[in-house]
Amino acid sequence: PENIKEEDVRGMLVENSRDSEKVRKEKLEPRADGTLCLNGRSWLPCYGDLRTVIMHESHKSKYSIHPGFDKMYQDMKKLYWWLNMKADIATYVSKCLTYAKVKAEHQKLSGLLVQPEILKWKWDNITMDFVTKLPKSSQGYDTIWVIVERLTKSAIFTPIKETDPMD
């Protein structure tokens, strides 16, 4: 992409690594394009802005929606590798103001669950609602009064006029 600098890409090449012996010890393997990988994951050098650019894209793109540290690390470790990657990602996420505002710890706690009353008799407990703004029927009704008995879920649908008194 256009936001990756040429020196970052050159830094991923075997011949440009600072310590080629250390590269061999870490079991980094060269790819056909000359970049290094570890178990199929791209190695990112510590100099340049490539790590920051990739973390930024992984965390703030329109497809990622500011994931937390664990999710971001799990997603990135499939594709990339560098020393202290987990710590770098944790630091990056901890500095994100958007994530700090929306993470679950700052959300209002939900209330305690309350067991609803167990009903014993039909028609002891009902709910009512109105379906309004319907087209007028041939008898002039434009509203439905809905009564639901909560134990059996039986329902009565009564046509009424919106102008009918409610008493």
N, C-alpha and C. Protein backbone atom coordinates (compact mmCIF):
# COMPACT_ATOMS: atom_id res chain seq x y z
N PRO A 1 0.82 -1.21 0.00
CA PRO A 1 0.00 0.00 0.00
C PRO A 1 0.85 1.26 0.00
N GLU A 2 0.20 2.38 -0.30
CA GLU A 2 0.91 3.64 -0.43
C GLU A 2 1.47 4.16 0.89
N ASN A 3 0.94 3.69 2.04
CA ASN A 3 1.42 4.21 3.32
C ASN A 3 2.61 3.41 3.87
N ILE A 4 3.11 2.43 3.14
CA ILE A 4 4.31 1.69 3.55
C ILE A 4 5.50 2.27 2.81
N LYS A 5 6.49 2.69 3.57
CA LYS A 5 7.66 3.34 2.96
C LYS A 5 8.61 2.31 2.35
N GLU A 6 9.35 2.74 1.36
CA GLU A 6 10.29 1.87 0.66
C GLU A 6 11.36 1.33 1.60
N GLU A 7 11.83 2.18 2.57
CA GLU A 7 12.87 1.69 3.49
C GLU A 7 12.33 0.60 4.41
N ASP A 8 11.02 0.62 4.70
CA ASP A 8 10.43 -0.44 5.52
C ASP A 8 10.47 -1.77 4.77
N VAL A 9 10.12 -1.73 3.51
CA VAL A 9 10.13 -2.95 2.71
C VAL A 9 11.56 -3.47 2.55
N ARG A 10 12.51 -2.56 2.30
CA ARG A 10 13.92 -2.99 2.17
C ARG A 10 14.41 -3.62 3.47
N GLY A 11 13.92 -3.14 4.62
CA GLY A 11 14.33 -3.68 5.91
C GLY A 11 13.89 -5.11 6.11
N MET A 12 12.89 -5.56 5.37
CA MET A 12 12.41 -6.92 5.50
C MET A 12 13.24 -7.91 4.69
N LEU A 13 14.15 -7.42 3.86
CA LEU A 13 14.96 -8.31 3.02
C LEU A 13 16.10 -8.91 3.82
N VAL A 14 16.47 -10.15 3.50
CA VAL A 14 17.52 -10.87 4.21
C VAL A 14 18.84 -10.12 4.15
N GLU A 15 19.21 -9.67 2.96
CA GLU A 15 20.53 -9.06 2.81
C GLU A 15 20.65 -7.73 3.55
N ASN A 16 19.53 -7.11 3.90
CA ASN A 16 19.57 -5.84 4.60
C ASN A 16 19.34 -5.97 6.11
N SER A 17 19.22 -7.19 6.61
CA SER A 17 19.00 -7.35 8.05
C SER A 17 20.28 -6.99 8.79
N ARG A 18 20.14 -6.38 9.95
CA ARG A 18 21.29 -5.87 10.71
C ARG A 18 22.20 -7.00 11.18
N ASP A 19 21.61 -8.09 11.60
CA ASP A 19 22.40 -9.19 12.13
C ASP A 19 21.95 -10.47 11.44
N SER A 20 22.59 -10.78 10.32
CA SER A 20 22.15 -11.94 9.54
C SER A 20 22.33 -13.24 10.32
N GLU A 21 23.27 -13.29 11.26
CA GLU A 21 23.46 -14.49 12.07
C GLU A 21 22.28 -14.70 13.01
N LYS A 22 21.80 -13.61 13.59
CA LYS A 22 20.64 -13.70 14.49
C LYS A 22 19.40 -14.13 13.71
N VAL A 23 19.32 -13.68 12.46
CA VAL A 23 18.21 -14.08 11.59
C VAL A 23 18.20 -15.59 11.45
N ARG A 24 19.35 -16.17 11.27
CA ARG A 24 19.44 -17.64 11.12
C ARG A 24 19.04 -18.33 12.43
N LYS A 25 19.44 -17.78 13.57
CA LYS A 25 19.11 -18.39 14.86
C LYS A 25 17.62 -18.35 15.13
N GLU A 26 16.95 -17.30 14.69
CA GLU A 26 15.51 -17.17 14.91
C GLU A 26 14.72 -18.04 13.93
N LYS A 27 15.41 -18.76 13.07
CA LYS A 27 14.80 -19.65 12.08
C LYS A 27 13.92 -18.89 11.10
N LEU A 28 14.33 -17.69 10.77
CA LEU A 28 13.61 -16.92 9.77
C LEU A 28 14.00 -17.46 8.40
N GLU A 29 13.03 -17.63 7.56
CA GLU A 29 13.28 -18.20 6.24
C GLU A 29 13.01 -17.14 5.18
N PRO A 30 13.88 -17.07 4.19
CA PRO A 30 13.63 -16.11 3.10
C PRO A 30 12.53 -16.61 2.18
N ARG A 31 11.72 -15.69 1.71
CA ARG A 31 10.69 -16.01 0.72
C ARG A 31 11.26 -15.75 -0.66
N ALA A 32 10.48 -16.08 -1.66
CA ALA A 32 10.92 -15.88 -3.04
C ALA A 32 11.13 -14.40 -3.33
N ASP A 33 10.36 -13.52 -2.69
CA ASP A 33 10.51 -12.09 -2.93
C ASP A 33 11.63 -11.47 -2.09
N GLY A 34 12.32 -12.29 -1.29
CA GLY A 34 13.46 -11.81 -0.50
C GLY A 34 13.10 -11.39 0.91
N THR A 35 11.81 -11.32 1.25
CA THR A 35 11.43 -10.97 2.61
C THR A 35 11.59 -12.18 3.52
N LEU A 36 11.59 -11.94 4.81
CA LEU A 36 11.78 -13.02 5.78
C LEU A 36 10.45 -13.41 6.41
N CYS A 37 10.35 -14.70 6.77
CA CYS A 37 9.14 -15.14 7.45
C CYS A 37 9.51 -16.20 8.49
N LEU A 38 8.64 -16.36 9.47
CA LEU A 38 8.79 -17.37 10.50
C LEU A 38 7.49 -18.17 10.52
N ASN A 39 7.57 -19.43 10.15
CA ASN A 39 6.38 -20.30 10.09
C ASN A 39 5.26 -19.67 9.25
N GLY A 40 5.64 -19.08 8.14
CA GLY A 40 4.66 -18.50 7.23
C GLY A 40 4.19 -17.10 7.60
N ARG A 41 4.69 -16.54 8.69
CA ARG A 41 4.29 -15.20 9.12
C ARG A 41 5.40 -14.22 8.75
N SER A 42 5.01 -13.09 8.21
CA SER A 42 5.99 -12.08 7.80
C SER A 42 6.71 -11.49 9.00
N TRP A 43 8.03 -11.39 8.91
CA TRP A 43 8.84 -10.76 9.95
C TRP A 43 8.89 -9.27 9.66
N LEU A 44 8.64 -8.46 10.69
CA LEU A 44 8.68 -7.01 10.52
C LEU A 44 9.87 -6.46 11.29
N PRO A 45 10.72 -5.67 10.65
CA PRO A 45 11.92 -5.14 11.32
C PRO A 45 11.54 -4.09 12.36
N CYS A 46 12.47 -3.83 13.28
CA CYS A 46 12.17 -2.87 14.35
C CYS A 46 12.43 -1.44 13.92
N TYR A 47 13.16 -1.20 12.85
CA TYR A 47 13.38 0.18 12.43
C TYR A 47 12.38 0.54 11.34
N GLY A 48 12.11 1.81 11.20
CA GLY A 48 11.08 2.26 10.26
C GLY A 48 9.72 2.24 10.94
N ASP A 49 8.70 2.60 10.19
CA ASP A 49 7.35 2.72 10.74
C ASP A 49 6.43 1.57 10.36
N LEU A 50 6.97 0.51 9.79
CA LEU A 50 6.12 -0.55 9.27
C LEU A 50 5.25 -1.19 10.35
N ARG A 51 5.82 -1.48 11.51
CA ARG A 51 5.03 -2.10 12.59
C ARG A 51 3.88 -1.18 13.01
N THR A 52 4.19 0.09 13.16
CA THR A 52 3.17 1.06 13.57
C THR A 52 2.08 1.17 12.52
N VAL A 53 2.46 1.21 11.27
CA VAL A 53 1.47 1.31 10.18
C VAL A 53 0.56 0.08 10.20
N ILE A 54 1.13 -1.09 10.36
CA ILE A 54 0.32 -2.31 10.35
C ILE A 54 -0.57 -2.37 11.58
N MET A 55 -0.06 -1.98 12.75
CA MET A 55 -0.91 -1.96 13.94
C MET A 55 -2.04 -0.94 13.78
N HIS A 56 -1.72 0.20 13.18
CA HIS A 56 -2.74 1.22 12.95
C HIS A 56 -3.84 0.68 12.03
N GLU A 57 -3.45 0.06 10.94
CA GLU A 57 -4.43 -0.50 10.00
C GLU A 57 -5.25 -1.61 10.65
N SER A 58 -4.62 -2.41 11.48
CA SER A 58 -5.30 -3.51 12.13
C SER A 58 -6.27 -3.02 13.21
N HIS A 59 -5.97 -1.88 13.82
CA HIS A 59 -6.78 -1.41 14.93
C HIS A 59 -7.82 -0.37 14.54
N LYS A 60 -7.49 0.48 13.59
CA LYS A 60 -8.36 1.62 13.31
C LYS A 60 -9.01 1.61 11.94
N SER A 61 -8.89 0.52 11.19
CA SER A 61 -9.51 0.51 9.88
C SER A 61 -11.02 0.38 10.03
N LYS A 62 -11.75 0.67 8.97
CA LYS A 62 -13.21 0.62 9.05
C LYS A 62 -13.72 -0.81 9.21
N TYR A 63 -12.85 -1.80 9.02
CA TYR A 63 -13.26 -3.19 9.14
C TYR A 63 -12.97 -3.77 10.53
N SER A 64 -12.14 -3.12 11.33
CA SER A 64 -11.72 -3.72 12.59
C SER A 64 -12.43 -3.15 13.82
N ILE A 65 -12.86 -1.91 13.78
CA ILE A 65 -13.63 -1.28 14.84
C ILE A 65 -12.94 -1.37 16.20
N HIS A 66 -11.71 -0.93 16.30
CA HIS A 66 -10.96 -0.82 17.55
C HIS A 66 -11.01 -2.08 18.42
N PRO A 67 -10.43 -3.19 17.94
CA PRO A 67 -10.45 -4.39 18.78
C PRO A 67 -9.58 -4.21 20.01
N GLY A 68 -9.84 -5.00 21.02
CA GLY A 68 -9.01 -4.98 22.22
C GLY A 68 -7.67 -5.66 21.95
N PHE A 69 -6.83 -5.65 22.97
CA PHE A 69 -5.49 -6.20 22.84
C PHE A 69 -5.51 -7.67 22.41
N ASP A 70 -6.31 -8.51 23.08
CA ASP A 70 -6.32 -9.95 22.77
C ASP A 70 -6.74 -10.23 21.34
N LYS A 71 -7.85 -9.62 20.93
CA LYS A 71 -8.37 -9.85 19.57
C LYS A 71 -7.37 -9.37 18.53
N MET A 72 -6.81 -8.20 18.75
CA MET A 72 -5.85 -7.65 17.78
C MET A 72 -4.62 -8.53 17.69
N TYR A 73 -4.11 -9.00 18.83
CA TYR A 73 -2.93 -9.87 18.82
C TYR A 73 -3.24 -11.20 18.12
N GLN A 74 -4.40 -11.79 18.41
CA GLN A 74 -4.76 -13.06 17.78
C GLN A 74 -4.88 -12.90 16.26
N ASP A 75 -5.44 -11.79 15.82
CA ASP A 75 -5.57 -11.55 14.38
C ASP A 75 -4.21 -11.32 13.72
N MET A 76 -3.37 -10.49 14.37
CA MET A 76 -2.08 -10.14 13.76
C MET A 76 -1.07 -11.28 13.78
N LYS A 77 -1.12 -12.13 14.81
CA LYS A 77 -0.10 -13.18 14.89
C LYS A 77 -0.27 -14.24 13.81
N LYS A 78 -1.41 -14.26 13.15
CA LYS A 78 -1.61 -15.17 12.03
C LYS A 78 -0.77 -14.75 10.82
N LEU A 79 -0.49 -13.44 10.72
CA LEU A 79 0.18 -12.91 9.53
C LEU A 79 1.59 -12.38 9.77
N TYR A 80 1.85 -11.89 11.00
CA TYR A 80 3.12 -11.19 11.25
C TYR A 80 3.83 -11.76 12.48
N TRP A 81 5.14 -11.45 12.55
CA TRP A 81 5.92 -11.81 13.72
C TRP A 81 7.04 -10.80 13.90
N TRP A 82 7.31 -10.41 15.15
CA TRP A 82 8.50 -9.68 15.53
C TRP A 82 8.70 -9.88 17.02
N LEU A 83 9.90 -9.62 17.48
CA LEU A 83 10.19 -9.75 18.89
C LEU A 83 9.34 -8.79 19.70
N ASN A 84 8.82 -9.25 20.82
CA ASN A 84 7.97 -8.44 21.71
C ASN A 84 6.70 -7.94 21.05
N MET A 85 6.20 -8.68 20.08
CA MET A 85 5.00 -8.27 19.36
C MET A 85 3.81 -8.09 20.30
N LYS A 86 3.63 -9.02 21.22
CA LYS A 86 2.49 -8.96 22.13
C LYS A 86 2.54 -7.68 22.99
N ALA A 87 3.70 -7.35 23.51
CA ALA A 87 3.86 -6.16 24.35
C ALA A 87 3.64 -4.89 23.52
N ASP A 88 4.14 -4.88 22.29
CA ASP A 88 3.97 -3.70 21.42
C ASP A 88 2.49 -3.46 21.13
N ILE A 89 1.76 -4.53 20.88
CA ILE A 89 0.32 -4.40 20.58
C ILE A 89 -0.43 -3.92 21.82
N ALA A 90 -0.07 -4.47 22.99
CA ALA A 90 -0.73 -4.04 24.24
C ALA A 90 -0.49 -2.55 24.48
N THR A 91 0.71 -2.09 24.25
CA THR A 91 1.03 -0.67 24.42
C THR A 91 0.25 0.18 23.44
N TYR A 92 0.19 -0.26 22.18
CA TYR A 92 -0.51 0.49 21.15
C TYR A 92 -2.00 0.63 21.50
N VAL A 93 -2.64 -0.49 21.89
CA VAL A 93 -4.07 -0.46 22.21
C VAL A 93 -4.32 0.40 23.45
N SER A 94 -3.42 0.34 24.43
CA SER A 94 -3.62 1.11 25.66
C SER A 94 -3.58 2.61 25.41
N LYS A 95 -2.96 3.05 24.31
CA LYS A 95 -2.87 4.47 23.99
C LYS A 95 -4.03 4.96 23.11
N CYS A 96 -4.92 4.04 22.73
CA CYS A 96 -6.04 4.41 21.85
C CYS A 96 -7.17 5.00 22.69
N LEU A 97 -7.47 6.28 22.48
CA LEU A 97 -8.50 6.96 23.26
C LEU A 97 -9.90 6.42 22.94
N THR A 98 -10.15 6.09 21.69
CA THR A 98 -11.47 5.58 21.31
C THR A 98 -11.73 4.26 22.02
N TYR A 99 -10.74 3.36 22.00
CA TYR A 99 -10.92 2.07 22.67
C TYR A 99 -11.11 2.27 24.17
N ALA A 100 -10.38 3.20 24.76
CA ALA A 100 -10.49 3.44 26.20
C ALA A 100 -11.90 3.89 26.59
N LYS A 101 -12.56 4.63 25.69
CA LYS A 101 -13.90 5.13 25.99
C LYS A 101 -14.97 4.05 25.84
N VAL A 102 -14.81 3.13 24.90
CA VAL A 102 -15.89 2.19 24.59
C VAL A 102 -15.68 0.79 25.14
N LYS A 103 -14.55 0.51 25.75
CA LYS A 103 -14.34 -0.86 26.22
C LYS A 103 -15.35 -1.21 27.31
N ALA A 104 -15.60 -2.48 27.48
CA ALA A 104 -16.69 -2.97 28.32
C ALA A 104 -16.61 -2.47 29.76
N GLU A 105 -15.43 -2.26 30.32
CA GLU A 105 -15.34 -1.84 31.72
C GLU A 105 -15.94 -0.48 31.96
N HIS A 106 -16.09 0.33 30.91
CA HIS A 106 -16.65 1.65 31.09
C HIS A 106 -18.14 1.70 30.79
N GLN A 107 -18.72 0.58 30.44
CA GLN A 107 -20.14 0.54 30.16
C GLN A 107 -20.92 0.36 31.46
N LYS A 108 -22.13 0.86 31.48
CA LYS A 108 -22.97 0.72 32.66
C LYS A 108 -23.29 -0.76 32.88
N LEU A 109 -23.18 -1.20 34.11
CA LEU A 109 -23.47 -2.59 34.42
C LEU A 109 -24.97 -2.83 34.31
N SER A 110 -25.34 -4.01 33.81
CA SER A 110 -26.76 -4.32 33.73
C SER A 110 -27.25 -4.70 35.12
N GLY A 111 -28.52 -4.55 35.34
CA GLY A 111 -29.09 -4.85 36.65
C GLY A 111 -29.14 -6.34 36.91
N LEU A 112 -29.51 -6.69 38.12
CA LEU A 112 -29.64 -8.09 38.49
C LEU A 112 -30.85 -8.69 37.79
N LEU A 113 -30.74 -9.96 37.47
CA LEU A 113 -31.87 -10.65 36.86
C LEU A 113 -32.94 -10.88 37.92
N VAL A 114 -34.17 -10.65 37.54
CA VAL A 114 -35.28 -10.83 38.46
C VAL A 114 -36.19 -11.91 37.89
N GLN A 115 -36.48 -12.90 38.70
CA GLN A 115 -37.38 -13.97 38.27
C GLN A 115 -38.78 -13.42 38.13
N PRO A 116 -39.41 -13.56 36.95
CA PRO A 116 -40.78 -13.06 36.81
C PRO A 116 -41.74 -13.92 37.66
N GLU A 117 -42.83 -13.29 38.03
CA GLU A 117 -43.83 -13.99 38.82
C GLU A 117 -44.38 -15.17 38.03
N ILE A 118 -44.52 -16.31 38.69
CA ILE A 118 -45.07 -17.48 38.02
C ILE A 118 -46.58 -17.42 38.14
N LEU A 119 -47.25 -17.36 36.98
CA LEU A 119 -48.70 -17.19 36.96
C LEU A 119 -49.40 -18.51 37.25
N LYS A 120 -50.59 -18.44 37.91
CA LYS A 120 -51.31 -19.66 38.30
C LYS A 120 -52.68 -19.76 37.62
N TRP A 121 -53.33 -18.64 37.35
CA TRP A 121 -54.68 -18.67 36.81
C TRP A 121 -54.75 -17.86 35.52
N LYS A 122 -55.56 -18.38 34.61
CA LYS A 122 -55.79 -17.65 33.36
C LYS A 122 -56.48 -16.33 33.65
N TRP A 123 -56.16 -15.33 32.89
CA TRP A 123 -56.75 -14.01 32.91
C TRP A 123 -56.51 -13.26 34.21
N ASP A 124 -55.58 -13.74 35.04
CA ASP A 124 -55.18 -12.98 36.23
C ASP A 124 -54.23 -11.84 35.85
N ASN A 125 -53.52 -12.05 34.76
CA ASN A 125 -52.51 -11.07 34.35
C ASN A 125 -52.60 -10.89 32.84
N ILE A 126 -52.89 -9.68 32.40
CA ILE A 126 -53.02 -9.42 30.97
C ILE A 126 -52.16 -8.22 30.58
N THR A 127 -51.87 -8.12 29.29
CA THR A 127 -51.23 -6.94 28.74
C THR A 127 -52.12 -6.39 27.64
N MET A 128 -52.03 -5.09 27.42
CA MET A 128 -52.84 -4.45 26.38
C MET A 128 -51.97 -3.52 25.56
N ASP A 129 -52.34 -3.38 24.30
CA ASP A 129 -51.64 -2.45 23.42
C ASP A 129 -52.60 -2.04 22.32
N PHE A 130 -52.22 -1.00 21.60
CA PHE A 130 -53.04 -0.51 20.49
C PHE A 130 -52.20 -0.50 19.22
N VAL A 131 -52.79 -0.97 18.13
CA VAL A 131 -52.18 -0.84 16.81
C VAL A 131 -52.95 0.28 16.13
N THR A 132 -52.26 1.39 15.89
CA THR A 132 -52.96 2.59 15.40
C THR A 132 -52.51 2.96 13.99
N LYS A 133 -53.18 3.99 13.48
CA LYS A 133 -52.87 4.58 12.16
C LYS A 133 -53.04 3.57 11.02
N LEU A 134 -54.01 2.69 11.17
CA LEU A 134 -54.31 1.73 10.09
C LEU A 134 -55.28 2.36 9.10
N PRO A 135 -55.31 1.86 7.88
CA PRO A 135 -56.33 2.37 6.94
C PRO A 135 -57.73 2.01 7.47
N LYS A 136 -58.70 2.88 7.23
CA LYS A 136 -60.07 2.65 7.74
C LYS A 136 -60.69 1.45 7.05
N SER A 137 -61.37 0.64 7.87
CA SER A 137 -62.09 -0.51 7.32
C SER A 137 -63.44 -0.02 6.79
N SER A 138 -64.23 -0.93 6.22
CA SER A 138 -65.55 -0.53 5.67
C SER A 138 -66.50 -0.07 6.79
N GLN A 139 -66.25 -0.53 8.04
CA GLN A 139 -67.08 -0.10 9.17
C GLN A 139 -66.51 1.15 9.84
N GLY A 140 -65.38 1.67 9.37
CA GLY A 140 -64.79 2.89 9.91
C GLY A 140 -63.74 2.68 10.99
N TYR A 141 -63.36 1.43 11.27
CA TYR A 141 -62.35 1.16 12.27
C TYR A 141 -60.95 1.45 11.72
N ASP A 142 -60.10 2.07 12.55
CA ASP A 142 -58.73 2.37 12.11
C ASP A 142 -57.69 1.99 13.17
N THR A 143 -58.13 1.29 14.23
CA THR A 143 -57.24 0.90 15.33
C THR A 143 -57.62 -0.50 15.79
N ILE A 144 -56.64 -1.24 16.28
CA ILE A 144 -56.92 -2.56 16.87
C ILE A 144 -56.45 -2.53 18.32
N TRP A 145 -57.35 -2.93 19.21
CA TRP A 145 -57.03 -3.05 20.64
C TRP A 145 -56.63 -4.49 20.88
N VAL A 146 -55.39 -4.71 21.29
CA VAL A 146 -54.85 -6.06 21.47
C VAL A 146 -54.76 -6.35 22.96
N ILE A 147 -55.40 -7.44 23.39
CA ILE A 147 -55.35 -7.87 24.79
C ILE A 147 -54.74 -9.27 24.80
N VAL A 148 -53.67 -9.46 25.57
CA VAL A 148 -52.99 -10.76 25.62
C VAL A 148 -53.00 -11.27 27.05
N GLU A 149 -53.48 -12.50 27.23
CA GLU A 149 -53.46 -13.16 28.53
C GLU A 149 -52.08 -13.81 28.66
N ARG A 150 -51.35 -13.48 29.72
CA ARG A 150 -49.94 -13.84 29.80
C ARG A 150 -49.66 -15.31 30.08
N LEU A 151 -50.55 -16.03 30.76
CA LEU A 151 -50.27 -17.43 31.08
C LEU A 151 -50.37 -18.31 29.84
N THR A 152 -51.45 -18.19 29.09
CA THR A 152 -51.66 -19.05 27.91
C THR A 152 -51.29 -18.37 26.60
N LYS A 153 -51.00 -17.08 26.68
CA LYS A 153 -50.68 -16.26 25.51
C LYS A 153 -51.87 -16.13 24.55
N SER A 154 -53.06 -16.32 25.08
CA SER A 154 -54.27 -16.12 24.28
C SER A 154 -54.41 -14.63 23.99
N ALA A 155 -54.90 -14.30 22.82
CA ALA A 155 -55.01 -12.89 22.44
C ALA A 155 -56.40 -12.59 21.91
N ILE A 156 -56.84 -11.38 22.18
CA ILE A 156 -58.11 -10.88 21.65
C ILE A 156 -57.78 -9.62 20.87
N PHE A 157 -58.26 -9.56 19.64
CA PHE A 157 -58.04 -8.40 18.77
C PHE A 157 -59.39 -7.74 18.53
N THR A 158 -59.56 -6.53 19.05
CA THR A 158 -60.83 -5.83 18.96
C THR A 158 -60.67 -4.58 18.09
N PRO A 159 -61.45 -4.51 17.00
CA PRO A 159 -61.37 -3.30 16.17
C PRO A 159 -62.08 -2.14 16.85
N ILE A 160 -61.45 -0.99 16.85
CA ILE A 160 -62.05 0.22 17.41
C ILE A 160 -61.67 1.41 16.53
N LYS A 161 -62.29 2.55 16.85
CA LYS A 161 -61.95 3.78 16.14
C LYS A 161 -60.99 4.58 17.01
N GLU A 162 -60.05 5.24 16.41
CA GLU A 162 -59.06 6.01 17.18
C GLU A 162 -59.74 7.11 18.00
N THR A 163 -60.89 7.53 17.55
CA THR A 163 -61.61 8.61 18.26
C THR A 163 -62.49 8.07 19.37
N ASP A 164 -62.62 6.75 19.53
CA ASP A 164 -63.44 6.18 20.60
C ASP A 164 -62.88 6.58 21.95
N PRO A 165 -63.76 6.86 22.94
CA PRO A 165 -63.26 7.20 24.27
C PRO A 165 -62.62 5.97 24.93
N MET A 166 -61.63 6.19 25.79
CA MET A 166 -60.91 5.09 26.41
C MET A 166 -61.48 4.72 27.78
N ASP A 167 -62.58 5.29 28.17
CA ASP A 167 -63.12 4.96 29.49
C ASP A 167 -64.31 4.04 29.46
